[in-house]
Amino acid sequence: MFVNQFKQHISKFSTSPFLFIRSGFLRKYLGLPTWELLLMEICEDLKLNKPYNFYKSNADSKLPRVASIIGKDFNEVWWSSPDFEESRNQFEALAETKFLL
């Protein structure tokens, strides 16, 4: 019912619709993590020496800053750890470092 109404409504316009879907929708219907949960998982998967809450507390809980601080620490790991040797061999020439702090 809704799908038909939606299709009928958007067919009235000459341009394609843009749908802005918030993370709550993606989390509820697709089971995707929130941005913070994703950062927590990344922090764990990257095997950094500090826990997620260290990064969060040093970023005033601002998630873009949390991500940047994690990225800064991971940059050192990526360039030196044998775990990422294959990745370095493949992407070293493309590597750029930009931090938002």
PDB file of N, CA and C in Angstrom:
ATOM      1  N   MET A   1       0.823  -1.182   0.000  1.00  0.00           N
ATOM      2  CA  MET A   1       0.000   0.000   0.000  1.00  0.00           C
ATOM      3  C   MET A   1       0.875   1.256   0.000  1.00  0.00           C
ATOM      4  N   PHE A   2       1.763   1.369   0.977  1.00  0.00           N
ATOM      5  CA  PHE A   2       2.651   2.538   1.041  1.00  0.00           C
ATOM      6  C   PHE A   2       3.533   2.620  -0.192  1.00  0.00           C
ATOM      7  N   VAL A   3       4.049   1.475  -0.632  1.00  0.00           N
ATOM      8  CA  VAL A   3       4.955   1.460  -1.781  1.00  0.00           C
ATOM      9  C   VAL A   3       4.243   2.014  -3.008  1.00  0.00           C
ATOM     10  N   ASN A   4       3.006   1.609  -3.220  1.00  0.00           N
ATOM     11  CA  ASN A   4       2.243   2.105  -4.374  1.00  0.00           C
ATOM     12  C   ASN A   4       1.983   3.601  -4.256  1.00  0.00           C
ATOM     13  N   GLN A   5       1.622   4.056  -3.077  1.00  0.00           N
ATOM     14  CA  GLN A   5       1.381   5.481  -2.856  1.00  0.00           C
ATOM     15  C   GLN A   5       2.667   6.277  -3.087  1.00  0.00           C
ATOM     16  N   PHE A   6       3.765   5.736  -2.600  1.00  0.00           N
ATOM     17  CA  PHE A   6       5.050   6.411  -2.758  1.00  0.00           C
ATOM     18  C   PHE A   6       5.422   6.512  -4.236  1.00  0.00           C
ATOM     19  N   LYS A   7       5.288   5.410  -4.968  1.00  0.00           N
ATOM     20  CA  LYS A   7       5.593   5.414  -6.397  1.00  0.00           C
ATOM     21  C   LYS A   7       4.707   6.408  -7.146  1.00  0.00           C
ATOM     22  N   GLN A   8       3.447   6.443  -6.800  1.00  0.00           N
ATOM     23  CA  GLN A   8       2.517   7.364  -7.438  1.00  0.00           C
ATOM     24  C   GLN A   8       2.918   8.817  -7.143  1.00  0.00           C
ATOM     25  N   HIS A   9       3.295   9.074  -5.926  1.00  0.00           N
ATOM     26  CA  HIS A   9       3.675  10.429  -5.534  1.00  0.00           C
ATOM     27  C   HIS A   9       4.940  10.895  -6.264  1.00  0.00           C
ATOM     28  N   ILE A  10       5.973  10.064  -6.290  1.00  0.00           N
ATOM     29  CA  ILE A  10       7.227  10.509  -6.917  1.00  0.00           C
ATOM     30  C   ILE A  10       7.130  10.551  -8.432  1.00  0.00           C
ATOM     31  N   SER A  11       6.184   9.830  -9.013  1.00  0.00           N
ATOM     32  CA  SER A  11       6.035   9.880 -10.472  1.00  0.00           C
ATOM     33  C   SER A  11       5.522  11.243 -10.944  1.00  0.00           C
ATOM     34  N   LYS A  12       5.041  12.074 -10.034  1.00  0.00           N
ATOM     35  CA  LYS A  12       4.556  13.414 -10.367  1.00  0.00           C
ATOM     36  C   LYS A  12       5.698  14.388 -10.649  1.00  0.00           C
ATOM     37  N   PHE A  13       6.918  14.033 -10.268  1.00  0.00           N
ATOM     38  CA  PHE A  13       8.056  14.933 -10.389  1.00  0.00           C
ATOM     39  C   PHE A  13       8.920  14.559 -11.585  1.00  0.00           C
ATOM     40  N   SER A  14       9.569  15.548 -12.161  1.00  0.00           N
ATOM     41  CA  SER A  14      10.410  15.290 -13.331  1.00  0.00           C
ATOM     42  C   SER A  14      11.844  14.916 -12.949  1.00  0.00           C
ATOM     43  N   THR A  15      12.192  15.052 -11.679  1.00  0.00           N
ATOM     44  CA  THR A  15      13.543  14.708 -11.220  1.00  0.00           C
ATOM     45  C   THR A  15      13.492  13.480 -10.320  1.00  0.00           C
ATOM     46  N   SER A  16      14.630  12.860 -10.181  1.00  0.00           N
ATOM     47  CA  SER A  16      14.722  11.697  -9.294  1.00  0.00           C
ATOM     48  C   SER A  16      14.682  12.161  -7.843  1.00  0.00           C
ATOM     49  N   PRO A  17      14.075  11.368  -6.973  1.00  0.00           N
ATOM     50  CA  PRO A  17      14.003  11.769  -5.560  1.00  0.00           C
ATOM     51  C   PRO A  17      15.322  11.527  -4.837  1.00  0.00           C
ATOM     52  N   PHE A  18      15.559  12.305  -3.809  1.00  0.00           N
ATOM     53  CA  PHE A  18      16.675  12.091  -2.903  1.00  0.00           C
ATOM     54  C   PHE A  18      16.088  11.679  -1.569  1.00  0.00           C
ATOM     55  N   LEU A  19      16.503  10.550  -1.079  1.00  0.00           N
ATOM     56  CA  LEU A  19      16.025  10.086   0.214  1.00  0.00           C
ATOM     57  C   LEU A  19      17.139  10.253   1.231  1.00  0.00           C
ATOM     58  N   PHE A  20      16.848  10.952   2.303  1.00  0.00           N
ATOM     59  CA  PHE A  20      17.805  11.127   3.385  1.00  0.00           C
ATOM     60  C   PHE A  20      17.379  10.182   4.505  1.00  0.00           C
ATOM     61  N   ILE A  21      18.178   9.161   4.696  1.00  0.00           N
ATOM     62  CA  ILE A  21      17.852   8.144   5.689  1.00  0.00           C
ATOM     63  C   ILE A  21      18.834   8.268   6.833  1.00  0.00           C
ATOM     64  N   ARG A  22      18.308   8.444   8.005  1.00  0.00           N
ATOM     65  CA  ARG A  22      19.160   8.585   9.180  1.00  0.00           C
ATOM     66  C   ARG A  22      19.644   7.217   9.659  1.00  0.00           C
ATOM     67  N   SER A  23      20.643   7.237  10.509  1.00  0.00           N
ATOM     68  CA  SER A  23      21.265   5.989  10.958  1.00  0.00           C
ATOM     69  C   SER A  23      20.284   5.092  11.714  1.00  0.00           C
ATOM     70  N   GLY A  24      19.275   5.674  12.366  1.00  0.00           N
ATOM     71  CA  GLY A  24      18.299   4.862  13.086  1.00  0.00           C
ATOM     72  C   GLY A  24      17.562   3.911  12.162  1.00  0.00           C
ATOM     73  N   PHE A  25      17.241   4.365  10.971  1.00  0.00           N
ATOM     74  CA  PHE A  25      16.583   3.527   9.978  1.00  0.00           C
ATOM     75  C   PHE A  25      17.503   2.386   9.563  1.00  0.00           C
ATOM     76  N   LEU A  26      18.742   2.734   9.255  1.00  0.00           N
ATOM     77  CA  LEU A  26      19.705   1.716   8.833  1.00  0.00           C
ATOM     78  C   LEU A  26      19.971   0.704   9.938  1.00  0.00           C
ATOM     79  N   ARG A  27      20.018   1.184  11.169  1.00  0.00           N
ATOM     80  CA  ARG A  27      20.264   0.284  12.297  1.00  0.00           C
ATOM     81  C   ARG A  27      19.071  -0.640  12.509  1.00  0.00           C
ATOM     82  N   LYS A  28      17.866  -0.085  12.452  1.00  0.00           N
ATOM     83  CA  LYS A  28      16.661  -0.867  12.729  1.00  0.00           C
ATOM     84  C   LYS A  28      16.365  -1.891  11.636  1.00  0.00           C
ATOM     85  N   TYR A  29      16.436  -1.461  10.377  1.00  0.00           N
ATOM     86  CA  TYR A  29      15.996  -2.327   9.289  1.00  0.00           C
ATOM     87  C   TYR A  29      17.111  -3.111   8.608  1.00  0.00           C
ATOM     88  N   LEU A  30      18.330  -2.641   8.701  1.00  0.00           N
ATOM     89  CA  LEU A  30      19.434  -3.356   8.067  1.00  0.00           C
ATOM     90  C   LEU A  30      20.429  -3.917   9.072  1.00  0.00           C
ATOM     91  N   GLY A  31      20.234  -3.596  10.353  1.00  0.00           N
ATOM     92  CA  GLY A  31      21.121  -4.108  11.390  1.00  0.00           C
ATOM     93  C   GLY A  31      22.515  -3.511  11.355  1.00  0.00           C
ATOM     94  N   LEU A  32      22.659  -2.319  10.750  1.00  0.00           N
ATOM     95  CA  LEU A  32      23.970  -1.689  10.667  1.00  0.00           C
ATOM     96  C   LEU A  32      24.287  -0.952  11.966  1.00  0.00           C
ATOM     97  N   PRO A  33      25.560  -0.845  12.310  1.00  0.00           N
ATOM     98  CA  PRO A  33      25.923  -0.173  13.563  1.00  0.00           C
ATOM     99  C   PRO A  33      25.810   1.349  13.443  1.00  0.00           C
ATOM    100  N   THR A  34      25.687   1.998  14.588  1.00  0.00           N
ATOM    101  CA  THR A  34      25.755   3.458  14.615  1.00  0.00           C
ATOM    102  C   THR A  34      27.180   3.857  14.301  1.00  0.00           C
ATOM    103  N   TRP A  35      27.392   5.145  14.080  1.00  0.00           N
ATOM    104  CA  TRP A  35      28.737   5.631  13.797  1.00  0.00           C
ATOM    105  C   TRP A  35      29.654   5.320  14.980  1.00  0.00           C
ATOM    106  N   GLU A  36      29.155   5.523  16.193  1.00  0.00           N
ATOM    107  CA  GLU A  36      30.007   5.257  17.348  1.00  0.00           C
ATOM    108  C   GLU A  36      30.317   3.775  17.478  1.00  0.00           C
ATOM    109  N   LEU A  37      29.325   2.910  17.278  1.00  0.00           N
ATOM    110  CA  LEU A  37      29.597   1.464  17.348  1.00  0.00           C
ATOM    111  C   LEU A  37      30.593   1.041  16.268  1.00  0.00           C
ATOM    112  N   LEU A  38      30.488   1.651  15.098  1.00  0.00           N
ATOM    113  CA  LEU A  38      31.437   1.354  14.033  1.00  0.00           C
ATOM    114  C   LEU A  38      32.850   1.760  14.425  1.00  0.00           C
ATOM    115  N   LEU A  39      32.989   2.942  15.038  1.00  0.00           N
ATOM    116  CA  LEU A  39      34.312   3.376  15.515  1.00  0.00           C
ATOM    117  C   LEU A  39      34.847   2.429  16.583  1.00  0.00           C
ATOM    118  N   MET A  40      33.966   1.963  17.460  1.00  0.00           N
ATOM    119  CA  MET A  40      34.396   1.021  18.505  1.00  0.00           C
ATOM    120  C   MET A  40      34.900  -0.279  17.875  1.00  0.00           C
ATOM    121  N   GLU A  41      34.167  -0.780  16.880  1.00  0.00           N
ATOM    122  CA  GLU A  41      34.578  -2.011  16.204  1.00  0.00           C
ATOM    123  C   GLU A  41      35.905  -1.821  15.466  1.00  0.00           C
ATOM    124  N   ILE A  42      36.032  -0.696  14.793  1.00  0.00           N
ATOM    125  CA  ILE A  42      37.274  -0.412  14.060  1.00  0.00           C
ATOM    126  C   ILE A  42      38.447  -0.353  15.021  1.00  0.00           C
ATOM    127  N   CYS A  43      38.239   0.322  16.137  1.00  0.00           N
ATOM    128  CA  CYS A  43      39.301   0.452  17.130  1.00  0.00           C
ATOM    129  C   CYS A  43      39.768  -0.925  17.601  1.00  0.00           C
ATOM    130  N   GLU A  44      38.833  -1.811  17.819  1.00  0.00           N
ATOM    131  CA  GLU A  44      39.169  -3.172  18.261  1.00  0.00           C
ATOM    132  C   GLU A  44      39.831  -3.971  17.135  1.00  0.00           C
ATOM    133  N   ASP A  45      39.288  -3.870  15.928  1.00  0.00           N
ATOM    134  CA  ASP A  45      39.822  -4.636  14.792  1.00  0.00           C
ATOM    135  C   ASP A  45      41.236  -4.213  14.408  1.00  0.00           C
ATOM    136  N   LEU A  46      41.554  -2.941  14.611  1.00  0.00           N
ATOM    137  CA  LEU A  46      42.878  -2.445  14.247  1.00  0.00           C
ATOM    138  C   LEU A  46      43.948  -2.816  15.263  1.00  0.00           C
ATOM    139  N   LYS A  47      43.524  -3.396  16.370  1.00  0.00           N
ATOM    140  CA  LYS A  47      44.449  -3.851  17.411  1.00  0.00           C
ATOM    141  C   LYS A  47      45.337  -2.713  17.916  1.00  0.00           C
ATOM    142  N   LEU A  48      44.691  -1.570  18.161  1.00  0.00           N
ATOM    143  CA  LEU A  48      45.441  -0.440  18.703  1.00  0.00           C
ATOM    144  C   LEU A  48      45.742  -0.683  20.168  1.00  0.00           C
ATOM    145  N   ASN A  49      46.735  -0.001  20.691  1.00  0.00           N
ATOM    146  CA  ASN A  49      47.168  -0.214  22.076  1.00  0.00           C
ATOM    147  C   ASN A  49      46.266   0.449  23.105  1.00  0.00           C
ATOM    148  N   LYS A  50      45.348   1.284  22.655  1.00  0.00           N
ATOM    149  CA  LYS A  50      44.495   2.020  23.587  1.00  0.00           C
ATOM    150  C   LYS A  50      43.041   1.644  23.343  1.00  0.00           C
ATOM    151  N   PRO A  51      42.217   1.629  24.386  1.00  0.00           N
ATOM    152  CA  PRO A  51      40.796   1.297  24.211  1.00  0.00           C
ATOM    153  C   PRO A  51      40.033   2.469  23.594  1.00  0.00           C
ATOM    154  N   TYR A  52      38.875   2.191  23.057  1.00  0.00           N
ATOM    155  CA  TYR A  52      38.045   3.205  22.416  1.00  0.00           C
ATOM    156  C   TYR A  52      37.794   4.400  23.332  1.00  0.00           C
ATOM    157  N   ASN A  53      37.517   4.145  24.597  1.00  0.00           N
ATOM    158  CA  ASN A  53      37.196   5.242  25.516  1.00  0.00           C
ATOM    159  C   ASN A  53      38.371   6.210  25.712  1.00  0.00           C
ATOM    160  N   PHE A  54      39.586   5.752  25.510  1.00  0.00           N
ATOM    161  CA  PHE A  54      40.727   6.666  25.534  1.00  0.00           C
ATOM    162  C   PHE A  54      40.567   7.718  24.437  1.00  0.00           C
ATOM    163  N   TYR A  55      40.249   7.258  23.236  1.00  0.00           N
ATOM    164  CA  TYR A  55      40.094   8.173  22.111  1.00  0.00           C
ATOM    165  C   TYR A  55      38.900   9.105  22.321  1.00  0.00           C
ATOM    166  N   LYS A  56      37.815   8.530  22.801  1.00  0.00           N
ATOM    167  CA  LYS A  56      36.607   9.332  23.033  1.00  0.00           C
ATOM    168  C   LYS A  56      36.856  10.418  24.076  1.00  0.00           C
ATOM    169  N   SER A  57      37.547  10.081  25.140  1.00  0.00           N
ATOM    170  CA  SER A  57      37.795  11.057  26.205  1.00  0.00           C
ATOM    171  C   SER A  57      38.762  12.149  25.761  1.00  0.00           C
ATOM    172  N   ASN A  58      39.626  11.849  24.803  1.00  0.00           N
ATOM    173  CA  ASN A  58      40.562  12.851  24.296  1.00  0.00           C
ATOM    174  C   ASN A  58      39.985  13.662  23.139  1.00  0.00           C
ATOM    175  N   ALA A  59      38.735  13.395  22.797  1.00  0.00           N
ATOM    176  CA  ALA A  59      38.089  14.102  21.692  1.00  0.00           C
ATOM    177  C   ALA A  59      36.819  14.801  22.156  1.00  0.00           C
ATOM    178  N   ASP A  60      36.677  14.958  23.464  1.00  0.00           N
ATOM    179  CA  ASP A  60      35.466  15.578  24.012  1.00  0.00           C
ATOM    180  C   ASP A  60      34.195  14.906  23.487  1.00  0.00           C
ATOM    181  N   SER A  61      34.270  13.613  23.238  1.00  0.00           N
ATOM    182  CA  SER A  61      33.162  12.793  22.737  1.00  0.00           C
ATOM    183  C   SER A  61      32.656  13.219  21.360  1.00  0.00           C
ATOM    184  N   LYS A  62      33.405  14.014  20.645  1.00  0.00           N
ATOM    185  CA  LYS A  62      33.019  14.432  19.290  1.00  0.00           C
ATOM    186  C   LYS A  62      33.522  13.372  18.308  1.00  0.00           C
ATOM    187  N   LEU A  63      32.587  12.669  17.695  1.00  0.00           N
ATOM    188  CA  LEU A  63      32.938  11.501  16.891  1.00  0.00           C
ATOM    189  C   LEU A  63      33.890  11.795  15.733  1.00  0.00           C
ATOM    190  N   PRO A  64      33.775  12.925  15.023  1.00  0.00           N
ATOM    191  CA  PRO A  64      34.785  13.179  13.975  1.00  0.00           C
ATOM    192  C   PRO A  64      36.191  13.291  14.560  1.00  0.00           C
ATOM    193  N   ARG A  65      36.308  13.876  15.739  1.00  0.00           N
ATOM    194  CA  ARG A  65      37.622  13.981  16.379  1.00  0.00           C
ATOM    195  C   ARG A  65      38.077  12.616  16.876  1.00  0.00           C
ATOM    196  N   VAL A  66      37.141  11.805  17.406  1.00  0.00           N
ATOM    197  CA  VAL A  66      37.486  10.442  17.836  1.00  0.00           C
ATOM    198  C   VAL A  66      38.090   9.687  16.650  1.00  0.00           C
ATOM    199  N   ALA A  67      37.410   9.758  15.506  1.00  0.00           N
ATOM    200  CA  ALA A  67      37.886   9.053  14.309  1.00  0.00           C
ATOM    201  C   ALA A  67      39.257   9.551  13.880  1.00  0.00           C
ATOM    202  N   SER A  68      39.466  10.842  13.972  1.00  0.00           N
ATOM    203  CA  SER A  68      40.746  11.406  13.568  1.00  0.00           C
ATOM    204  C   SER A  68      41.878  10.950  14.480  1.00  0.00           C
ATOM    205  N   ILE A  69      41.624  10.909  15.783  1.00  0.00           N
ATOM    206  CA  ILE A  69      42.660  10.464  16.726  1.00  0.00           C
ATOM    207  C   ILE A  69      42.963   8.980  16.531  1.00  0.00           C
ATOM    208  N   ILE A  70      41.915   8.184  16.302  1.00  0.00           N
ATOM    209  CA  ILE A  70      42.124   6.762  15.995  1.00  0.00           C
ATOM    210  C   ILE A  70      42.962   6.651  14.724  1.00  0.00           C
ATOM    211  N   GLY A  71      42.613   7.451  13.718  1.00  0.00           N
ATOM    212  CA  GLY A  71      43.356   7.422  12.452  1.00  0.00           C
ATOM    213  C   GLY A  71      44.808   7.792  12.621  1.00  0.00           C
ATOM    214  N   LYS A  72      45.057   8.762  13.472  1.00  0.00           N
ATOM    215  CA  LYS A  72      46.442   9.189  13.705  1.00  0.00           C
ATOM    216  C   LYS A  72      47.256   8.046  14.325  1.00  0.00           C
ATOM    217  N   ASP A  73      46.674   7.367  15.315  1.00  0.00           N
ATOM    218  CA  ASP A  73      47.376   6.229  15.922  1.00  0.00           C
ATOM    219  C   ASP A  73      47.521   5.078  14.923  1.00  0.00           C
ATOM    220  N   PHE A  74      46.471   4.833  14.148  1.00  0.00           N
ATOM    221  CA  PHE A  74      46.527   3.733  13.194  1.00  0.00           C
ATOM    222  C   PHE A  74      47.546   4.014  12.098  1.00  0.00           C
ATOM    223  N   ASN A  75      47.745   5.261  11.731  1.00  0.00           N
ATOM    224  CA  ASN A  75      48.733   5.605  10.715  1.00  0.00           C
ATOM    225  C   ASN A  75      50.094   5.023  11.084  1.00  0.00           C
ATOM    226  N   GLU A  76      50.485   5.180  12.326  1.00  0.00           N
ATOM    227  CA  GLU A  76      51.769   4.643  12.805  1.00  0.00           C
ATOM    228  C   GLU A  76      51.790   3.116  12.698  1.00  0.00           C
ATOM    229  N   VAL A  77      50.674   2.492  13.095  1.00  0.00           N
ATOM    230  CA  VAL A  77      50.578   1.026  13.045  1.00  0.00           C
ATOM    231  C   VAL A  77      50.641   0.538  11.599  1.00  0.00           C
ATOM    232  N   TRP A  78      49.890   1.199  10.723  1.00  0.00           N
ATOM    233  CA  TRP A  78      49.820   0.763   9.330  1.00  0.00           C
ATOM    234  C   TRP A  78      51.189   0.804   8.659  1.00  0.00           C
ATOM    235  N   TRP A  79      51.972   1.828   8.970  1.00  0.00           N
ATOM    236  CA  TRP A  79      53.284   1.958   8.335  1.00  0.00           C
ATOM    237  C   TRP A  79      54.338   1.031   8.926  1.00  0.00           C
ATOM    238  N   SER A  80      54.100   0.484  10.110  1.00  0.00           N
ATOM    239  CA  SER A  80      55.164  -0.289  10.755  1.00  0.00           C
ATOM    240  C   SER A  80      54.826  -1.748  11.051  1.00  0.00           C
ATOM    241  N   SER A  81      53.561  -2.085  11.177  1.00  0.00           N
ATOM    242  CA  SER A  81      53.190  -3.439  11.590  1.00  0.00           C
ATOM    243  C   SER A  81      53.267  -4.441  10.442  1.00  0.00           C
ATOM    244  N   PRO A  82      53.830  -5.622  10.713  1.00  0.00           N
ATOM    245  CA  PRO A  82      53.842  -6.683   9.705  1.00  0.00           C
ATOM    246  C   PRO A  82      52.428  -7.118   9.315  1.00  0.00           C
ATOM    247  N   ASP A  83      51.456  -6.877  10.204  1.00  0.00           N
ATOM    248  CA  ASP A  83      50.067  -7.252   9.905  1.00  0.00           C
ATOM    249  C   ASP A  83      49.517  -6.513   8.686  1.00  0.00           C
ATOM    250  N   PHE A  84      50.084  -5.364   8.370  1.00  0.00           N
ATOM    251  CA  PHE A  84      49.573  -4.551   7.277  1.00  0.00           C
ATOM    252  C   PHE A  84      50.555  -4.446   6.109  1.00  0.00           C
ATOM    253  N   GLU A  85      51.531  -5.361   6.073  1.00  0.00           N
ATOM    254  CA  GLU A  85      52.539  -5.329   5.019  1.00  0.00           C
ATOM    255  C   GLU A  85      51.913  -5.484   3.633  1.00  0.00           C
ATOM    256  N   GLU A  86      50.988  -6.399   3.499  1.00  0.00           N
ATOM    257  CA  GLU A  86      50.336  -6.609   2.204  1.00  0.00           C
ATOM    258  C   GLU A  86      49.564  -5.358   1.777  1.00  0.00           C
ATOM    259  N   SER A  87      48.873  -4.747   2.716  1.00  0.00           N
ATOM    260  CA  SER A  87      48.138  -3.512   2.432  1.00  0.00           C
ATOM    261  C   SER A  87      49.088  -2.387   2.021  1.00  0.00           C
ATOM    262  N   ARG A  88      50.213  -2.275   2.732  1.00  0.00           N
ATOM    263  CA  ARG A  88      51.208  -1.253   2.383  1.00  0.00           C
ATOM    264  C   ARG A  88      51.746  -1.474   0.974  1.00  0.00           C
ATOM    265  N   ASN A  89      52.071  -2.724   0.659  1.00  0.00           N
ATOM    266  CA  ASN A  89      52.606  -3.030  -0.666  1.00  0.00           C
ATOM    267  C   ASN A  89      51.626  -2.635  -1.769  1.00  0.00           C
ATOM    268  N   GLN A  90      50.360  -2.815  -1.486  1.00  0.00           N
ATOM    269  CA  GLN A  90      49.332  -2.537  -2.487  1.00  0.00           C
ATOM    270  C   GLN A  90      48.987  -1.043  -2.574  1.00  0.00           C
ATOM    271  N   PHE A  91      48.975  -0.343  -1.425  1.00  0.00           N
ATOM    272  CA  PHE A  91      48.443   1.020  -1.404  1.00  0.00           C
ATOM    273  C   PHE A  91      49.427   2.109  -0.996  1.00  0.00           C
ATOM    274  N   GLU A  92      50.663   1.778  -0.774  1.00  0.00           N
ATOM    275  CA  GLU A  92      51.638   2.745  -0.274  1.00  0.00           C
ATOM    276  C   GLU A  92      51.706   4.005  -1.141  1.00  0.00           C
ATOM    277  N   ALA A  93      51.687   3.844  -2.434  1.00  0.00           N
ATOM    278  CA  ALA A  93      51.793   5.002  -3.327  1.00  0.00           C
ATOM    279  C   ALA A  93      50.570   5.914  -3.246  1.00  0.00           C
ATOM    280  N   LEU A  94      49.455   5.403  -2.784  1.00  0.00           N
ATOM    281  CA  LEU A  94      48.219   6.189  -2.693  1.00  0.00           C
ATOM    282  C   LEU A  94      48.001   6.789  -1.313  1.00  0.00           C
ATOM    283  N   ALA A  95      48.836   6.424  -0.365  1.00  0.00           N
ATOM    284  CA  ALA A  95      48.609   6.832   1.021  1.00  0.00           C
ATOM    285  C   ALA A  95      48.764   8.332   1.199  1.00  0.00           C
ATOM    286  N   GLU A  96      47.770   8.919   1.837  1.00  0.00           N
ATOM    287  CA  GLU A  96      47.797  10.328   2.229  1.00  0.00           C
ATOM    288  C   GLU A  96      47.319  10.400   3.667  1.00  0.00           C
ATOM    289  N   THR A  97      47.802  11.367   4.379  1.00  0.00           N
ATOM    290  CA  THR A  97      47.396  11.529   5.772  1.00  0.00           C
ATOM    291  C   THR A  97      46.773  12.902   5.957  1.00  0.00           C
ATOM    292  N   LYS A  98      45.511  12.897   6.358  1.00  0.00           N
ATOM    293  CA  LYS A  98      44.786  14.135   6.650  1.00  0.00           C
ATOM    294  C   LYS A  98      44.045  13.906   7.959  1.00  0.00           C
ATOM    295  N   PHE A  99      44.365  14.670   8.950  1.00  0.00           N
ATOM    296  CA  PHE A  99      43.713  14.505  10.240  1.00  0.00           C
ATOM    297  C   PHE A  99      42.875  15.722  10.573  1.00  0.00           C
ATOM    298  N   LEU A 100      41.714  15.478  11.112  1.00  0.00           N
ATOM    299  CA  LEU A 100      40.824  16.532  11.582  1.00  0.00           C
ATOM    300  C   LEU A 100      40.974  16.624  13.089  1.00  0.00           C
ATOM    301  N   LEU A 101      41.717  17.586  13.563  1.00  0.00           N
ATOM    302  CA  LEU A 101      41.887  17.717  15.023  1.00  0.00           C
ATOM    303  C   LEU A 101      41.547  19.065  15.495  1.00  0.00           C
TER     304      LEU A 101
END
